[in-house]
mmCIF file of all heavy atoms, coordinates in Angstrom:
data_MODEL
# 
_entry.id   MODEL 
# 
loop_
_atom_site.group_PDB 
_atom_site.id 
_atom_site.type_symbol 
_atom_site.label_atom_id 
_atom_site.label_alt_id 
_atom_site.label_comp_id 
_atom_site.label_asym_id 
_atom_site.label_entity_id 
_atom_site.label_seq_id 
_atom_site.pdbx_PDB_ins_code 
_atom_site.Cartn_x 
_atom_site.Cartn_y 
_atom_site.Cartn_z 
_atom_site.occupancy 
_atom_site.B_iso_or_equiv 
_atom_site.pdbx_formal_charge 
_atom_site.auth_seq_id 
_atom_site.auth_comp_id 
_atom_site.auth_asym_id 
_atom_site.auth_atom_id 
_atom_site.pdbx_PDB_model_num 
ATOM 1   N N   . ASN A 1 1  ? 8.947   -11.759 -11.499 1.00 0.00 ? 1  ASN A N   1 
ATOM 2   C CA  . ASN A 1 1  ? 9.590   -12.610 -10.491 1.00 0.00 ? 1  ASN A CA  1 
ATOM 3   C C   . ASN A 1 1  ? 8.621   -13.694 -10.004 1.00 0.00 ? 1  ASN A C   1 
ATOM 4   O O   . ASN A 1 1  ? 8.989   -14.863 -9.845  1.00 0.00 ? 1  ASN A O   1 
ATOM 5   C CB  . ASN A 1 1  ? 10.039  -11.712 -9.319  1.00 0.00 ? 1  ASN A CB  1 
ATOM 6   C CG  . ASN A 1 1  ? 11.009  -12.422 -8.402  1.00 0.00 ? 1  ASN A CG  1 
ATOM 7   O OD1 . ASN A 1 1  ? 11.511  -13.493 -8.716  1.00 0.00 ? 1  ASN A OD1 1 
ATOM 8   N ND2 . ASN A 1 1  ? 11.265  -11.827 -7.258  1.00 0.00 ? 1  ASN A ND2 1 
ATOM 9   N N   . PHE A 1 2  ? 7.358   -13.294 -9.789  1.00 0.00 ? 2  PHE A N   1 
ATOM 10  C CA  . PHE A 1 2  ? 6.305   -14.235 -9.387  1.00 0.00 ? 2  PHE A CA  1 
ATOM 11  C C   . PHE A 1 2  ? 6.172   -15.359 -10.434 1.00 0.00 ? 2  PHE A C   1 
ATOM 12  O O   . PHE A 1 2  ? 6.118   -16.545 -10.092 1.00 0.00 ? 2  PHE A O   1 
ATOM 13  C CB  . PHE A 1 2  ? 4.969   -13.485 -9.237  1.00 0.00 ? 2  PHE A CB  1 
ATOM 14  C CG  . PHE A 1 2  ? 3.756   -14.369 -9.165  1.00 0.00 ? 2  PHE A CG  1 
ATOM 15  C CD1 . PHE A 1 2  ? 3.370   -14.963 -7.969  1.00 0.00 ? 2  PHE A CD1 1 
ATOM 16  C CD2 . PHE A 1 2  ? 2.981   -14.607 -10.295 1.00 0.00 ? 2  PHE A CD2 1 
ATOM 17  C CE1 . PHE A 1 2  ? 2.238   -15.780 -7.904  1.00 0.00 ? 2  PHE A CE1 1 
ATOM 18  C CE2 . PHE A 1 2  ? 1.854   -15.422 -10.240 1.00 0.00 ? 2  PHE A CE2 1 
ATOM 19  C CZ  . PHE A 1 2  ? 1.489   -16.005 -9.043  1.00 0.00 ? 2  PHE A CZ  1 
ATOM 20  N N   . CYS A 1 3  ? 6.119   -14.963 -11.721 1.00 0.00 ? 3  CYS A N   1 
ATOM 21  C CA  . CYS A 1 3  ? 5.969   -15.958 -12.805 1.00 0.00 ? 3  CYS A CA  1 
ATOM 22  C C   . CYS A 1 3  ? 7.129   -16.949 -12.793 1.00 0.00 ? 3  CYS A C   1 
ATOM 23  O O   . CYS A 1 3  ? 6.919   -18.158 -12.941 1.00 0.00 ? 3  CYS A O   1 
ATOM 24  C CB  . CYS A 1 3  ? 5.897   -15.256 -14.165 1.00 0.00 ? 3  CYS A CB  1 
ATOM 25  S SG  . CYS A 1 3  ? 4.382   -14.313 -14.391 1.00 0.00 ? 3  CYS A SG  1 
ATOM 26  N N   . HIS A 1 4  ? 8.354   -16.441 -12.604 1.00 0.00 ? 4  HIS A N   1 
ATOM 27  C CA  . HIS A 1 4  ? 9.519   -17.336 -12.560 1.00 0.00 ? 4  HIS A CA  1 
ATOM 28  C C   . HIS A 1 4  ? 9.402   -18.309 -11.382 1.00 0.00 ? 4  HIS A C   1 
ATOM 29  O O   . HIS A 1 4  ? 9.684   -19.499 -11.516 1.00 0.00 ? 4  HIS A O   1 
ATOM 30  C CB  . HIS A 1 4  ? 10.814  -16.530 -12.437 1.00 0.00 ? 4  HIS A CB  1 
ATOM 31  C CG  . HIS A 1 4  ? 11.146  -15.733 -13.676 1.00 0.00 ? 4  HIS A CG  1 
ATOM 32  N ND1 . HIS A 1 4  ? 10.845  -16.171 -14.945 1.00 0.00 ? 4  HIS A ND1 1 
ATOM 33  C CD2 . HIS A 1 4  ? 11.765  -14.526 -13.833 1.00 0.00 ? 4  HIS A CD2 1 
ATOM 34  C CE1 . HIS A 1 4  ? 11.246  -15.271 -15.837 1.00 0.00 ? 4  HIS A CE1 1 
ATOM 35  N NE2 . HIS A 1 4  ? 11.798  -14.266 -15.182 1.00 0.00 ? 4  HIS A NE2 1 
ATOM 36  N N   . LYS A 1 5  ? 8.966   -17.781 -10.227 1.00 0.00 ? 5  LYS A N   1 
ATOM 37  C CA  . LYS A 1 5  ? 8.912   -18.630 -9.018  1.00 0.00 ? 5  LYS A CA  1 
ATOM 38  C C   . LYS A 1 5  ? 7.871   -19.733 -9.120  1.00 0.00 ? 5  LYS A C   1 
ATOM 39  O O   . LYS A 1 5  ? 8.079   -20.824 -8.600  1.00 0.00 ? 5  LYS A O   1 
ATOM 40  C CB  . LYS A 1 5  ? 8.642   -17.755 -7.780  1.00 0.00 ? 5  LYS A CB  1 
ATOM 41  C CG  . LYS A 1 5  ? 9.888   -17.005 -7.336  1.00 0.00 ? 5  LYS A CG  1 
ATOM 42  C CD  . LYS A 1 5  ? 9.714   -16.300 -6.014  1.00 0.00 ? 5  LYS A CD  1 
ATOM 43  C CE  . LYS A 1 5  ? 11.064  -15.755 -5.542  1.00 0.00 ? 5  LYS A CE  1 
ATOM 44  N NZ  . LYS A 1 5  ? 10.948  -14.907 -4.361  1.00 0.00 ? 5  LYS A NZ  1 
ATOM 45  N N   . VAL A 1 6  ? 6.727   -19.435 -9.769  1.00 0.00 ? 6  VAL A N   1 
ATOM 46  C CA  . VAL A 1 6  ? 5.675   -20.462 -9.868  1.00 0.00 ? 6  VAL A CA  1 
ATOM 47  C C   . VAL A 1 6  ? 5.742   -21.207 -11.214 1.00 0.00 ? 6  VAL A C   1 
ATOM 48  O O   . VAL A 1 6  ? 4.833   -21.951 -11.569 1.00 0.00 ? 6  VAL A O   1 
ATOM 49  C CB  . VAL A 1 6  ? 4.258   -19.868 -9.650  1.00 0.00 ? 6  VAL A CB  1 
ATOM 50  C CG1 . VAL A 1 6  ? 4.137   -19.275 -8.260  1.00 0.00 ? 6  VAL A CG1 1 
ATOM 51  C CG2 . VAL A 1 6  ? 3.892   -18.842 -10.723 1.00 0.00 ? 6  VAL A CG2 1 
ATOM 52  N N   . LYS A 1 7  ? 6.862   -20.972 -11.959 1.00 0.00 ? 7  LYS A N   1 
ATOM 53  C CA  . LYS A 1 7  ? 7.097   -21.659 -13.246 1.00 0.00 ? 7  LYS A CA  1 
ATOM 54  C C   . LYS A 1 7  ? 5.966   -21.410 -14.249 1.00 0.00 ? 7  LYS A C   1 
ATOM 55  O O   . LYS A 1 7  ? 5.499   -22.329 -14.938 1.00 0.00 ? 7  LYS A O   1 
ATOM 56  C CB  . LYS A 1 7  ? 7.319   -23.158 -13.035 1.00 0.00 ? 7  LYS A CB  1 
ATOM 57  C CG  . LYS A 1 7  ? 8.580   -23.451 -12.234 1.00 0.00 ? 7  LYS A CG  1 
ATOM 58  C CD  . LYS A 1 7  ? 8.822   -24.936 -12.054 1.00 0.00 ? 7  LYS A CD  1 
ATOM 59  C CE  . LYS A 1 7  ? 10.190  -25.228 -11.465 1.00 0.00 ? 7  LYS A CE  1 
ATOM 60  N NZ  . LYS A 1 7  ? 10.504  -24.514 -10.230 1.00 0.00 ? 7  LYS A NZ  1 
ATOM 61  N N   . LEU A 1 8  ? 5.512   -20.150 -14.289 1.00 0.00 ? 8  LEU A N   1 
ATOM 62  C CA  . LEU A 1 8  ? 4.478   -19.745 -15.245 1.00 0.00 ? 8  LEU A CA  1 
ATOM 63  C C   . LEU A 1 8  ? 5.178   -19.077 -16.440 1.00 0.00 ? 8  LEU A C   1 
ATOM 64  O O   . LEU A 1 8  ? 5.832   -18.048 -16.261 1.00 0.00 ? 8  LEU A O   1 
ATOM 65  C CB  . LEU A 1 8  ? 3.509   -18.760 -14.569 1.00 0.00 ? 8  LEU A CB  1 
ATOM 66  C CG  . LEU A 1 8  ? 2.453   -18.084 -15.434 1.00 0.00 ? 8  LEU A CG  1 
ATOM 67  C CD1 . LEU A 1 8  ? 1.524   -19.108 -16.068 1.00 0.00 ? 8  LEU A CD1 1 
ATOM 68  C CD2 . LEU A 1 8  ? 1.628   -17.093 -14.591 1.00 0.00 ? 8  LEU A CD2 1 
ATOM 69  N N   . PRO A 1 9  ? 5.094   -19.651 -17.642 1.00 0.00 ? 9  PRO A N   1 
ATOM 70  C CA  . PRO A 1 9  ? 5.775   -19.034 -18.797 1.00 0.00 ? 9  PRO A CA  1 
ATOM 71  C C   . PRO A 1 9  ? 5.256   -17.623 -19.060 1.00 0.00 ? 9  PRO A C   1 
ATOM 72  O O   . PRO A 1 9  ? 4.065   -17.349 -18.871 1.00 0.00 ? 9  PRO A O   1 
ATOM 73  C CB  . PRO A 1 9  ? 5.424   -19.965 -19.967 1.00 0.00 ? 9  PRO A CB  1 
ATOM 74  C CG  . PRO A 1 9  ? 4.912   -21.220 -19.342 1.00 0.00 ? 9  PRO A CG  1 
ATOM 75  C CD  . PRO A 1 9  ? 4.334   -20.849 -18.021 1.00 0.00 ? 9  PRO A CD  1 
ATOM 76  N N   . ILE A 1 10 ? 6.146   -16.725 -19.474 1.00 0.00 ? 10 ILE A N   1 
ATOM 77  C CA  . ILE A 1 10 ? 5.745   -15.343 -19.796 1.00 0.00 ? 10 ILE A CA  1 
ATOM 78  C C   . ILE A 1 10 ? 5.702   -15.191 -21.311 1.00 0.00 ? 10 ILE A C   1 
ATOM 79  O O   . ILE A 1 10 ? 6.724   -15.347 -21.994 1.00 0.00 ? 10 ILE A O   1 
ATOM 80  C CB  . ILE A 1 10 ? 6.731   -14.326 -19.179 1.00 0.00 ? 10 ILE A CB  1 
ATOM 81  C CG1 . ILE A 1 10 ? 6.730   -14.450 -17.648 1.00 0.00 ? 10 ILE A CG1 1 
ATOM 82  C CG2 . ILE A 1 10 ? 6.366   -12.900 -19.600 1.00 0.00 ? 10 ILE A CG2 1 
ATOM 83  C CD1 . ILE A 1 10 ? 7.827   -13.652 -16.954 1.00 0.00 ? 10 ILE A CD1 1 
ATOM 84  N N   . ILE A 1 11 ? 4.515   -14.920 -21.844 1.00 0.00 ? 11 ILE A N   1 
ATOM 85  C CA  . ILE A 1 11 ? 4.385   -14.702 -23.291 1.00 0.00 ? 11 ILE A CA  1 
ATOM 86  C C   . ILE A 1 11 ? 5.055   -13.383 -23.644 1.00 0.00 ? 11 ILE A C   1 
ATOM 87  O O   . ILE A 1 11 ? 5.760   -13.266 -24.644 1.00 0.00 ? 11 ILE A O   1 
ATOM 88  C CB  . ILE A 1 11 ? 2.894   -14.695 -23.715 1.00 0.00 ? 11 ILE A CB  1 
ATOM 89  C CG1 . ILE A 1 11 ? 2.253   -16.055 -23.389 1.00 0.00 ? 11 ILE A CG1 1 
ATOM 90  C CG2 . ILE A 1 11 ? 2.737   -14.362 -25.194 1.00 0.00 ? 11 ILE A CG2 1 
ATOM 91  C CD1 . ILE A 1 11 ? 0.754   -16.128 -23.609 1.00 0.00 ? 11 ILE A CD1 1 
ATOM 92  N N   . GLY A 1 12 ? 4.854   -12.356 -22.808 1.00 0.00 ? 12 GLY A N   1 
ATOM 93  C CA  . GLY A 1 12 ? 5.492   -11.070 -23.046 1.00 0.00 ? 12 GLY A CA  1 
ATOM 94  C C   . GLY A 1 12 ? 4.816   -9.951  -22.278 1.00 0.00 ? 12 GLY A C   1 
ATOM 95  O O   . GLY A 1 12 ? 3.819   -10.169 -21.577 1.00 0.00 ? 12 GLY A O   1 
ATOM 96  N N   . VAL A 1 13 ? 5.385   -8.753  -22.441 1.00 0.00 ? 13 VAL A N   1 
ATOM 97  C CA  . VAL A 1 13 ? 4.899   -7.564  -21.727 1.00 0.00 ? 13 VAL A CA  1 
ATOM 98  C C   . VAL A 1 13 ? 4.304   -6.584  -22.746 1.00 0.00 ? 13 VAL A C   1 
ATOM 99  O O   . VAL A 1 13 ? 4.858   -6.388  -23.830 1.00 0.00 ? 13 VAL A O   1 
ATOM 100 C CB  . VAL A 1 13 ? 6.052   -6.885  -20.948 1.00 0.00 ? 13 VAL A CB  1 
ATOM 101 C CG1 . VAL A 1 13 ? 5.592   -5.572  -20.307 1.00 0.00 ? 13 VAL A CG1 1 
ATOM 102 C CG2 . VAL A 1 13 ? 6.603   -7.831  -19.885 1.00 0.00 ? 13 VAL A CG2 1 
ATOM 103 N N   . VAL A 1 14 ? 3.171   -5.975  -22.377 1.00 0.00 ? 14 VAL A N   1 
ATOM 104 C CA  . VAL A 1 14 ? 2.532   -4.944  -23.211 1.00 0.00 ? 14 VAL A CA  1 
ATOM 105 C C   . VAL A 1 14 ? 2.635   -3.614  -22.479 1.00 0.00 ? 14 VAL A C   1 
ATOM 106 O O   . VAL A 1 14 ? 2.293   -3.525  -21.295 1.00 0.00 ? 14 VAL A O   1 
ATOM 107 C CB  . VAL A 1 14 ? 1.040   -5.283  -23.448 1.00 0.00 ? 14 VAL A CB  1 
ATOM 108 C CG1 . VAL A 1 14 ? 0.332   -4.126  -24.165 1.00 0.00 ? 14 VAL A CG1 1 
ATOM 109 C CG2 . VAL A 1 14 ? 0.899   -6.569  -24.246 1.00 0.00 ? 14 VAL A CG2 1 
ATOM 110 N N   . GLU A 1 15 ? 3.130   -2.583  -23.181 1.00 0.00 ? 15 GLU A N   1 
ATOM 111 C CA  . GLU A 1 15 ? 3.152   -1.233  -22.592 1.00 0.00 ? 15 GLU A CA  1 
ATOM 112 C C   . GLU A 1 15 ? 1.891   -0.503  -23.029 1.00 0.00 ? 15 GLU A C   1 
ATOM 113 O O   . GLU A 1 15 ? 1.737   -0.146  -24.201 1.00 0.00 ? 15 GLU A O   1 
ATOM 114 C CB  . GLU A 1 15 ? 4.405   -0.467  -23.047 1.00 0.00 ? 15 GLU A CB  1 
ATOM 115 C CG  . GLU A 1 15 ? 4.519   0.888   -22.350 1.00 0.00 ? 15 GLU A CG  1 
ATOM 116 C CD  . GLU A 1 15 ? 5.804   1.620   -22.705 1.00 0.00 ? 15 GLU A CD  1 
ATOM 117 O OE1 . GLU A 1 15 ? 6.827   1.359   -22.054 1.00 0.00 ? 15 GLU A OE1 1 
ATOM 118 O OE2 . GLU A 1 15 ? 5.778   2.442   -23.658 1.00 0.00 ? 15 GLU A OE2 1 
ATOM 119 N N   . ASN A 1 16 ? 0.989   -0.285  -22.072 1.00 0.00 ? 16 ASN A N   1 
ATOM 120 C CA  . ASN A 1 16 ? -0.296  0.364   -22.346 1.00 0.00 ? 16 ASN A CA  1 
ATOM 121 C C   . ASN A 1 16 ? -0.174  1.869   -22.070 1.00 0.00 ? 16 ASN A C   1 
ATOM 122 O O   . ASN A 1 16 ? 0.711   2.296   -21.342 1.00 0.00 ? 16 ASN A O   1 
ATOM 123 C CB  . ASN A 1 16 ? -1.368  -0.269  -21.454 1.00 0.00 ? 16 ASN A CB  1 
ATOM 124 C CG  . ASN A 1 16 ? -2.762  -0.081  -21.994 1.00 0.00 ? 16 ASN A CG  1 
ATOM 125 O OD1 . ASN A 1 16 ? -2.941  0.242   -23.164 1.00 0.00 ? 16 ASN A OD1 1 
ATOM 126 N ND2 . ASN A 1 16 ? -3.756  -0.288  -21.163 1.00 0.00 ? 16 ASN A ND2 1 
ATOM 127 N N   . MET A 1 17 ? -1.099  2.657   -22.652 1.00 0.00 ? 17 MET A N   1 
ATOM 128 C CA  . MET A 1 17 ? -1.106  4.124   -22.449 1.00 0.00 ? 17 MET A CA  1 
ATOM 129 C C   . MET A 1 17 ? 0.262   4.721   -22.801 1.00 0.00 ? 17 MET A C   1 
ATOM 130 O O   . MET A 1 17 ? 0.797   5.571   -22.095 1.00 0.00 ? 17 MET A O   1 
ATOM 131 C CB  . MET A 1 17 ? -1.496  4.473   -21.013 1.00 0.00 ? 17 MET A CB  1 
ATOM 132 C CG  . MET A 1 17 ? -2.777  3.801   -20.557 1.00 0.00 ? 17 MET A CG  1 
ATOM 133 S SD  . MET A 1 17 ? -3.294  4.336   -18.916 1.00 0.00 ? 17 MET A SD  1 
ATOM 134 C CE  . MET A 1 17 ? -4.293  2.934   -18.395 1.00 0.00 ? 17 MET A CE  1 
ATOM 135 N N   . SER A 1 18 ? 0.806   4.257   -23.907 1.00 0.00 ? 18 SER A N   1 
ATOM 136 C CA  . SER A 1 18 ? 2.172   4.625   -24.313 1.00 0.00 ? 18 SER A CA  1 
ATOM 137 C C   . SER A 1 18 ? 2.125   5.827   -25.254 1.00 0.00 ? 18 SER A C   1 
ATOM 138 O O   . SER A 1 18 ? 2.110   5.681   -26.475 1.00 0.00 ? 18 SER A O   1 
ATOM 139 C CB  . SER A 1 18 ? 2.807   3.418   -25.006 1.00 0.00 ? 18 SER A CB  1 
ATOM 140 O OG  . SER A 1 18 ? 4.103   3.703   -25.395 1.00 0.00 ? 18 SER A OG  1 
ATOM 141 N N   . GLY A 1 19 ? 2.087   7.024   -24.690 1.00 0.00 ? 19 GLY A N   1 
ATOM 142 C CA  . GLY A 1 19 ? 2.047   8.233   -25.517 1.00 0.00 ? 19 GLY A CA  1 
ATOM 143 C C   . GLY A 1 19 ? 0.643   8.549   -25.997 1.00 0.00 ? 19 GLY A C   1 
ATOM 144 O O   . GLY A 1 19 ? -0.233  7.681   -26.045 1.00 0.00 ? 19 GLY A O   1 
ATOM 145 N N   . PHE A 1 20 ? 0.412   9.802   -26.347 1.00 0.00 ? 20 PHE A N   1 
ATOM 146 C CA  . PHE A 1 20 ? -0.889  10.264  -26.855 1.00 0.00 ? 20 PHE A CA  1 
ATOM 147 C C   . PHE A 1 20 ? -0.646  11.199  -28.036 1.00 0.00 ? 20 PHE A C   1 
ATOM 148 O O   . PHE A 1 20 ? 0.078   12.191  -27.917 1.00 0.00 ? 20 PHE A O   1 
ATOM 149 C CB  . PHE A 1 20 ? -1.662  11.004  -25.755 1.00 0.00 ? 20 PHE A CB  1 
ATOM 150 C CG  . PHE A 1 20 ? -2.892  11.722  -26.263 1.00 0.00 ? 20 PHE A CG  1 
ATOM 151 C CD1 . PHE A 1 20 ? -3.995  11.001  -26.684 1.00 0.00 ? 20 PHE A CD1 1 
ATOM 152 C CD2 . PHE A 1 20 ? -2.926  13.103  -26.341 1.00 0.00 ? 20 PHE A CD2 1 
ATOM 153 C CE1 . PHE A 1 20 ? -5.131  11.658  -27.163 1.00 0.00 ? 20 PHE A CE1 1 
ATOM 154 C CE2 . PHE A 1 20 ? -4.059  13.768  -26.815 1.00 0.00 ? 20 PHE A CE2 1 
ATOM 155 C CZ  . PHE A 1 20 ? -5.166  13.034  -27.223 1.00 0.00 ? 20 PHE A CZ  1 
ATOM 156 N N   . VAL A 1 21 ? -1.216  10.871  -29.188 1.00 0.00 ? 21 VAL A N   1 
ATOM 157 C CA  . VAL A 1 21 ? -1.082  11.723  -30.375 1.00 0.00 ? 21 VAL A CA  1 
ATOM 158 C C   . VAL A 1 21 ? -2.325  12.598  -30.473 1.00 0.00 ? 21 VAL A C   1 
ATOM 159 O O   . VAL A 1 21 ? -3.445  12.079  -30.572 1.00 0.00 ? 21 VAL A O   1 
ATOM 160 C CB  . VAL A 1 21 ? -0.895  10.885  -31.655 1.00 0.00 ? 21 VAL A CB  1 
ATOM 161 C CG1 . VAL A 1 21 ? -0.791  11.787  -32.877 1.00 0.00 ? 21 VAL A CG1 1 
ATOM 162 C CG2 . VAL A 1 21 ? 0.343   9.997   -31.547 1.00 0.00 ? 21 VAL A CG2 1 
ATOM 163 N N   . CYS A 1 22 ? -2.131  13.914  -30.418 1.00 0.00 ? 22 CYS A N   1 
ATOM 164 C CA  . CYS A 1 22 ? -3.258  14.851  -30.502 1.00 0.00 ? 22 CYS A CA  1 
ATOM 165 C C   . CYS A 1 22 ? -3.923  14.715  -31.870 1.00 0.00 ? 22 CYS A C   1 
ATOM 166 O O   . CYS A 1 22 ? -3.245  14.824  -32.897 1.00 0.00 ? 22 CYS A O   1 
ATOM 167 C CB  . CYS A 1 22 ? -2.760  16.278  -30.296 1.00 0.00 ? 22 CYS A CB  1 
ATOM 168 S SG  . CYS A 1 22 ? -4.036  17.512  -30.611 1.00 0.00 ? 22 CYS A SG  1 
ATOM 169 N N   . PRO A 1 23 ? -5.254  14.467  -31.910 1.00 0.00 ? 23 PRO A N   1 
ATOM 170 C CA  . PRO A 1 23 ? -5.923  14.286  -33.208 1.00 0.00 ? 23 PRO A CA  1 
ATOM 171 C C   . PRO A 1 23 ? -5.907  15.549  -34.070 1.00 0.00 ? 23 PRO A C   1 
ATOM 172 O O   . PRO A 1 23 ? -6.043  15.475  -35.285 1.00 0.00 ? 23 PRO A O   1 
ATOM 173 C CB  . PRO A 1 23 ? -7.350  13.892  -32.824 1.00 0.00 ? 23 PRO A CB  1 
ATOM 174 C CG  . PRO A 1 23 ? -7.511  14.267  -31.393 1.00 0.00 ? 23 PRO A CG  1 
ATOM 175 C CD  . PRO A 1 23 ? -6.156  14.290  -30.772 1.00 0.00 ? 23 PRO A CD  1 
ATOM 176 N N   . LYS A 1 24 ? -5.702  16.742  -33.433 1.00 0.00 ? 24 LYS A N   1 
ATOM 177 C CA  . LYS A 1 24 ? -5.713  17.990  -34.211 1.00 0.00 ? 24 LYS A CA  1 
ATOM 178 C C   . LYS A 1 24 ? -4.318  18.371  -34.705 1.00 0.00 ? 24 LYS A C   1 
ATOM 179 O O   . LYS A 1 24 ? -4.084  18.545  -35.891 1.00 0.00 ? 24 LYS A O   1 
ATOM 180 C CB  . LYS A 1 24 ? -6.318  19.122  -33.373 1.00 0.00 ? 24 LYS A CB  1 
ATOM 181 C CG  . LYS A 1 24 ? -7.822  18.937  -33.171 1.00 0.00 ? 24 LYS A CG  1 
ATOM 182 C CD  . LYS A 1 24 ? -8.464  20.119  -32.492 1.00 0.00 ? 24 LYS A CD  1 
ATOM 183 C CE  . LYS A 1 24 ? -9.966  19.875  -32.375 1.00 0.00 ? 24 LYS A CE  1 
ATOM 184 N NZ  . LYS A 1 24 ? -10.615 20.859  -31.521 1.00 0.00 ? 24 LYS A NZ  1 
ATOM 185 N N   . CYS A 1 25 ? -3.365  18.503  -33.758 1.00 0.00 ? 25 CYS A N   1 
ATOM 186 C CA  . CYS A 1 25 ? -2.039  18.982  -34.165 1.00 0.00 ? 25 CYS A CA  1 
ATOM 187 C C   . CYS A 1 25 ? -1.064  17.846  -34.486 1.00 0.00 ? 25 CYS A C   1 
ATOM 188 O O   . CYS A 1 25 ? 0.028   18.084  -34.988 1.00 0.00 ? 25 CYS A O   1 
ATOM 189 C CB  . CYS A 1 25 ? -1.443  19.897  -33.096 1.00 0.00 ? 25 CYS A CB  1 
ATOM 190 S SG  . CYS A 1 25 ? -1.006  19.013  -31.582 1.00 0.00 ? 25 CYS A SG  1 
# 
């Protein structure tokens, strides 16, 4: 909403810490 109000283009959204795959199982 802030980006829209100040006319800052949004390149996109990144979802971080998205799931964890156990290295063993």
